[in-house]
Amino acid sequence: MNWRDHIHSNPDILGGKPVVKGTRISVELILEYLTDGASVGEILEAYPHITEPDVRAAIAFTHDMLVEEAAIARKRAA
């Protein structure tokens, strides 16, 4: 999955937080739902204008950002 097809940041939308394209649903909000134990189905019920691939893209985006941050931290420590 290419999360870039689903997730983007725009300084004019939610202060630049990454969101599902065409919405104001932030990656952060999706992760909060998942952290609180919500299923993908429950998220889709709460926000019917997003899709399962949008939710999965939010997870993939977060993964990639964590990997990138770890690489930066390793470079700084070297």
Protein backbone atom coordinates (compact mmCIF):
# COMPACT_ATOMS: atom_id res chain seq x y z
CA MET A 1 0.00 0.00 0.00
CA ASN A 2 1.18 3.49 -0.79
CA TRP A 3 -0.15 5.63 2.04
CA ARG A 4 0.57 8.73 -0.07
CA ASP A 5 -2.52 7.86 -2.11
CA HIS A 6 -4.65 8.39 1.01
CA ILE A 7 -2.81 10.65 3.47
CA HIS A 8 -1.52 14.20 3.05
CA SER A 9 -0.65 17.33 5.02
CA ASN A 10 -1.74 20.85 4.24
CA PRO A 11 -0.90 23.80 6.51
CA ASP A 12 -4.45 25.09 5.97
CA ILE A 13 -6.08 21.88 7.26
CA LEU A 14 -5.84 21.07 10.97
CA GLY A 15 -2.63 23.05 11.25
CA GLY A 16 -0.80 20.74 8.88
CA LYS A 17 -1.54 17.47 10.68
CA PRO A 18 -1.59 14.48 8.34
CA VAL A 19 -5.18 13.74 7.35
CA VAL A 20 -7.12 11.41 5.07
CA LYS A 21 -7.27 13.18 1.72
CA GLY A 22 -10.49 15.08 1.17
CA THR A 23 -11.37 15.05 4.89
CA ARG A 24 -10.42 16.61 8.16
CA ILE A 25 -9.96 13.16 9.71
CA SER A 26 -6.43 13.09 11.10
CA VAL A 27 -4.10 10.14 11.31
CA GLU A 28 -3.85 11.01 14.99
CA LEU A 29 -7.62 10.57 15.46
CA ILE A 30 -7.60 7.21 13.70
CA LEU A 31 -4.72 6.02 15.90
CA GLU A 32 -6.54 7.23 19.02
CA TYR A 33 -9.55 5.12 18.06
CA LEU A 34 -7.36 2.07 17.48
CA THR A 35 -5.45 2.63 20.72
CA ASP A 36 -8.75 2.81 22.59
CA GLY A 37 -9.63 -0.63 21.20
CA ALA A 38 -11.92 0.36 18.33
CA SER A 39 -12.02 -1.92 15.34
CA VAL A 40 -11.59 -0.70 11.79
CA GLY A 41 -15.32 -1.36 11.36
CA GLU A 42 -16.15 0.89 14.30
CA ILE A 43 -14.02 3.68 12.86
CA LEU A 44 -15.77 3.32 9.52
CA GLU A 45 -19.15 3.45 11.25
CA ALA A 46 -18.16 6.65 13.07
CA TYR A 47 -16.72 8.21 9.88
CA PRO A 48 -18.54 6.67 6.90
CA HIS A 49 -16.83 9.02 4.43
CA ILE A 50 -13.47 7.26 4.92
CA THR A 51 -12.60 3.76 3.76
CA GLU A 52 -10.75 0.75 5.13
CA PRO A 53 -7.78 1.55 2.85
CA ASP A 54 -7.74 5.05 4.38
CA VAL A 55 -7.45 3.56 7.88
CA ARG A 56 -4.75 1.13 6.76
CA ALA A 57 -2.90 4.01 5.08
CA ALA A 58 -2.92 5.91 8.39
CA ILE A 59 -1.25 2.91 10.03
CA ALA A 60 1.27 2.58 7.19
CA PHE A 61 2.03 6.32 7.39
CA THR A 62 2.71 6.02 11.12
CA HIS A 63 4.94 3.01 10.59
CA ASP A 64 7.00 4.82 7.97
CA MET A 65 7.35 7.92 10.15
CA LEU A 66 8.57 5.81 13.09
CA VAL A 67 11.09 4.00 10.90
CA GLU A 68 12.33 7.33 9.57
CA GLU A 69 12.60 8.80 13.05
CA ALA A 70 14.59 5.77 14.24
CA ALA A 71 17.00 6.16 11.31
CA ILE A 72 17.50 9.83 12.14
CA ALA A 73 18.13 8.97 15.80
CA ARG A 74 20.74 6.35 14.80
CA LYS A 75 22.53 8.88 12.59
CA ARG A 76 22.62 11.41 15.42
CA ALA A 77 23.99 8.83 17.83
CA ALA A 78 26.78 7.76 15.45
